[in-house]
Amino acid sequence: MKKYGRFFRYQFPAIFWMTAIFVQSSISRLSVPDMGFKMQDKVAHAIEYAILAALLLRAFKYLPCGNFSFRALSLTLIVGASYAMLDEIHQYFVPGRTADIFDVAADIAGVIIVIVVARVLGGNKRDRMA
């Protein structure tokens, strides 16, 4: 039972957020509330995927064989960027939505920002011991 508790605590939040992204991407003619500046939709994309990256990083960090390592950071980048691309492909087929390469770029930027911040602030145990 401990294994399932660990899954629901660490991996499930990332899966839940990915599901939430998919669901909102399935809504026709969804718009971002006016925040009073240009490119606000790109900022919203970056924030949405920064949250995903933080959840993915946490999920990979707490896998039974995981740690705060290059592998966790790499998997976060690969999964986050792949999901961003798949999300835009999905939107292409949703009536009233379009696929936009600049949305993917904003999504990936959000993922990269979290990875860089995590690497700078968190590092890994070997780096701190040196």
Protein backbone atom coordinates (compact mmCIF):
# COMPACT_ATOMS: atom_id res chain seq x y z
CA MET A 1 0.00 0.00 0.00
CA LYS A 2 2.95 2.32 0.65
CA LYS A 3 3.84 2.23 -3.05
CA TYR A 4 0.40 3.56 -4.04
CA GLY A 5 0.53 6.30 -1.42
CA ARG A 6 3.87 7.41 -2.82
CA PHE A 7 2.42 7.42 -6.35
CA PHE A 8 -0.58 9.54 -5.35
CA ARG A 9 1.63 11.93 -3.43
CA TYR A 10 4.36 12.47 -6.01
CA GLN A 11 3.41 11.23 -9.50
CA PHE A 12 -0.37 11.73 -9.55
CA PRO A 13 -0.28 15.57 -9.35
CA ALA A 14 1.70 15.72 -12.62
CA ILE A 15 -0.74 13.34 -14.32
CA PHE A 16 -3.68 15.36 -12.97
CA TRP A 17 -2.18 18.64 -14.31
CA MET A 18 -1.52 17.05 -17.72
CA THR A 19 -5.15 15.92 -17.79
CA ALA A 20 -6.29 19.44 -16.87
CA ILE A 21 -4.21 20.86 -19.75
CA PHE A 22 -5.75 18.34 -22.15
CA VAL A 23 -9.29 19.14 -20.99
CA GLN A 24 -8.86 22.92 -21.31
CA SER A 25 -7.25 22.41 -24.73
CA SER A 26 -10.39 20.56 -25.79
CA ILE A 27 -12.60 23.60 -25.18
CA SER A 28 -13.50 25.43 -28.36
CA ARG A 29 -12.81 29.15 -28.49
CA LEU A 30 -11.16 29.39 -25.08
CA SER A 31 -9.62 32.80 -24.43
CA VAL A 32 -7.19 34.17 -21.88
CA PRO A 33 -8.60 36.88 -19.59
CA ASP A 34 -7.29 40.36 -20.44
CA MET A 35 -4.27 41.12 -18.24
CA GLY A 36 -3.57 44.46 -19.89
CA PHE A 37 -0.43 43.69 -21.90
CA LYS A 38 0.59 42.14 -25.20
CA MET A 39 1.45 38.48 -25.52
CA GLN A 40 -0.50 37.63 -22.39
CA ASP A 41 -1.49 34.28 -23.91
CA LYS A 42 2.20 33.34 -24.20
CA VAL A 43 2.75 34.26 -20.54
CA ALA A 44 -0.24 32.10 -19.61
CA HIS A 45 1.25 29.21 -21.63
CA ALA A 46 4.63 29.61 -19.92
CA ILE A 47 3.03 29.64 -16.46
CA GLU A 48 0.86 26.62 -17.26
CA TYR A 49 3.89 24.62 -18.38
CA ALA A 50 6.13 25.92 -15.58
CA ILE A 51 3.63 24.40 -13.16
CA LEU A 52 3.73 21.17 -15.16
CA ALA A 53 7.54 21.18 -15.10
CA ALA A 54 7.61 21.66 -11.32
CA LEU A 55 5.19 18.75 -10.90
CA LEU A 56 7.13 16.56 -13.34
CA LEU A 57 10.42 17.35 -11.63
CA ARG A 58 8.88 16.41 -8.30
CA ALA A 59 7.45 13.21 -9.80
CA PHE A 60 10.78 12.15 -11.30
CA LYS A 61 12.71 13.13 -8.18
CA TYR A 62 10.58 10.83 -6.04
CA LEU A 63 10.53 7.78 -8.26
CA PRO A 64 11.89 4.79 -6.32
CA CYS A 65 15.15 4.98 -8.31
CA GLY A 66 15.12 8.75 -8.77
CA ASN A 67 16.89 11.66 -7.16
CA PHE A 68 17.53 15.30 -7.92
CA SER A 69 19.81 14.47 -10.78
CA PHE A 70 20.54 15.18 -14.38
CA ARG A 71 18.18 12.31 -15.23
CA ALA A 72 15.23 13.94 -13.43
CA LEU A 73 15.96 17.29 -15.10
CA SER A 74 16.33 15.66 -18.52
CA LEU A 75 13.12 13.66 -18.18
CA THR A 76 11.29 16.82 -17.15
CA LEU A 77 12.49 18.60 -20.28
CA ILE A 78 11.70 15.67 -22.58
CA VAL A 79 8.22 14.99 -21.17
CA GLY A 80 7.32 18.69 -20.82
CA ALA A 81 8.42 19.61 -24.34
CA SER A 82 6.82 16.51 -25.85
CA TYR A 83 3.55 17.21 -24.09
CA ALA A 84 3.62 20.82 -25.32
CA MET A 85 3.97 19.63 -28.91
CA LEU A 86 1.29 16.96 -28.53
CA ASP A 87 -1.05 19.51 -26.96
CA GLU A 88 -0.73 21.82 -29.97
CA ILE A 89 -1.30 18.90 -32.37
CA HIS A 90 -4.40 18.01 -30.35
CA GLN A 91 -5.64 21.62 -30.58
CA TYR A 92 -5.29 21.51 -34.35
CA PHE A 93 -8.17 19.00 -34.40
CA VAL A 94 -10.40 20.89 -31.94
CA PRO A 95 -13.00 23.09 -33.70
CA GLY A 96 -12.35 26.75 -32.97
CA ARG A 97 -8.75 26.13 -31.85
CA THR A 98 -5.51 26.38 -33.79
CA ALA A 99 -2.02 24.98 -33.43
CA ASP A 100 0.62 27.66 -32.91
CA ILE A 101 4.38 27.05 -32.88
CA PHE A 102 4.81 30.13 -30.68
CA ASP A 103 2.55 28.53 -28.06
CA VAL A 104 4.88 25.53 -28.07
CA ALA A 105 7.85 27.88 -27.68
CA ALA A 106 6.18 29.59 -24.71
CA ASP A 107 5.34 26.20 -23.17
CA ILE A 108 8.92 24.98 -23.53
CA ALA A 109 10.23 28.29 -22.16
CA GLY A 110 8.15 27.72 -19.02
CA VAL A 111 9.61 24.22 -18.67
CA ILE A 112 13.18 25.44 -19.19
CA ILE A 113 12.79 28.26 -16.65
CA VAL A 114 11.75 25.79 -13.96
CA ILE A 115 14.60 23.42 -14.86
CA VAL A 116 17.18 26.22 -14.70
CA VAL A 117 15.82 27.53 -11.40
CA ALA A 118 15.71 24.00 -9.96
CA ARG A 119 19.27 23.33 -11.08
CA VAL A 120 20.60 26.61 -9.69
CA LEU A 121 18.71 26.40 -6.39
CA GLY A 122 18.62 22.65 -5.92
CA GLY A 123 21.65 21.20 -7.61
CA ASN A 124 22.37 17.68 -6.52
CA LYS A 125 24.16 16.17 -3.56
CA ARG A 126 27.45 15.66 -5.42
CA ASP A 127 27.61 19.34 -6.37
CA ARG A 128 27.13 20.44 -2.76
CA MET A 129 29.77 18.05 -1.46
CA ALA A 130 32.46 19.28 -3.87
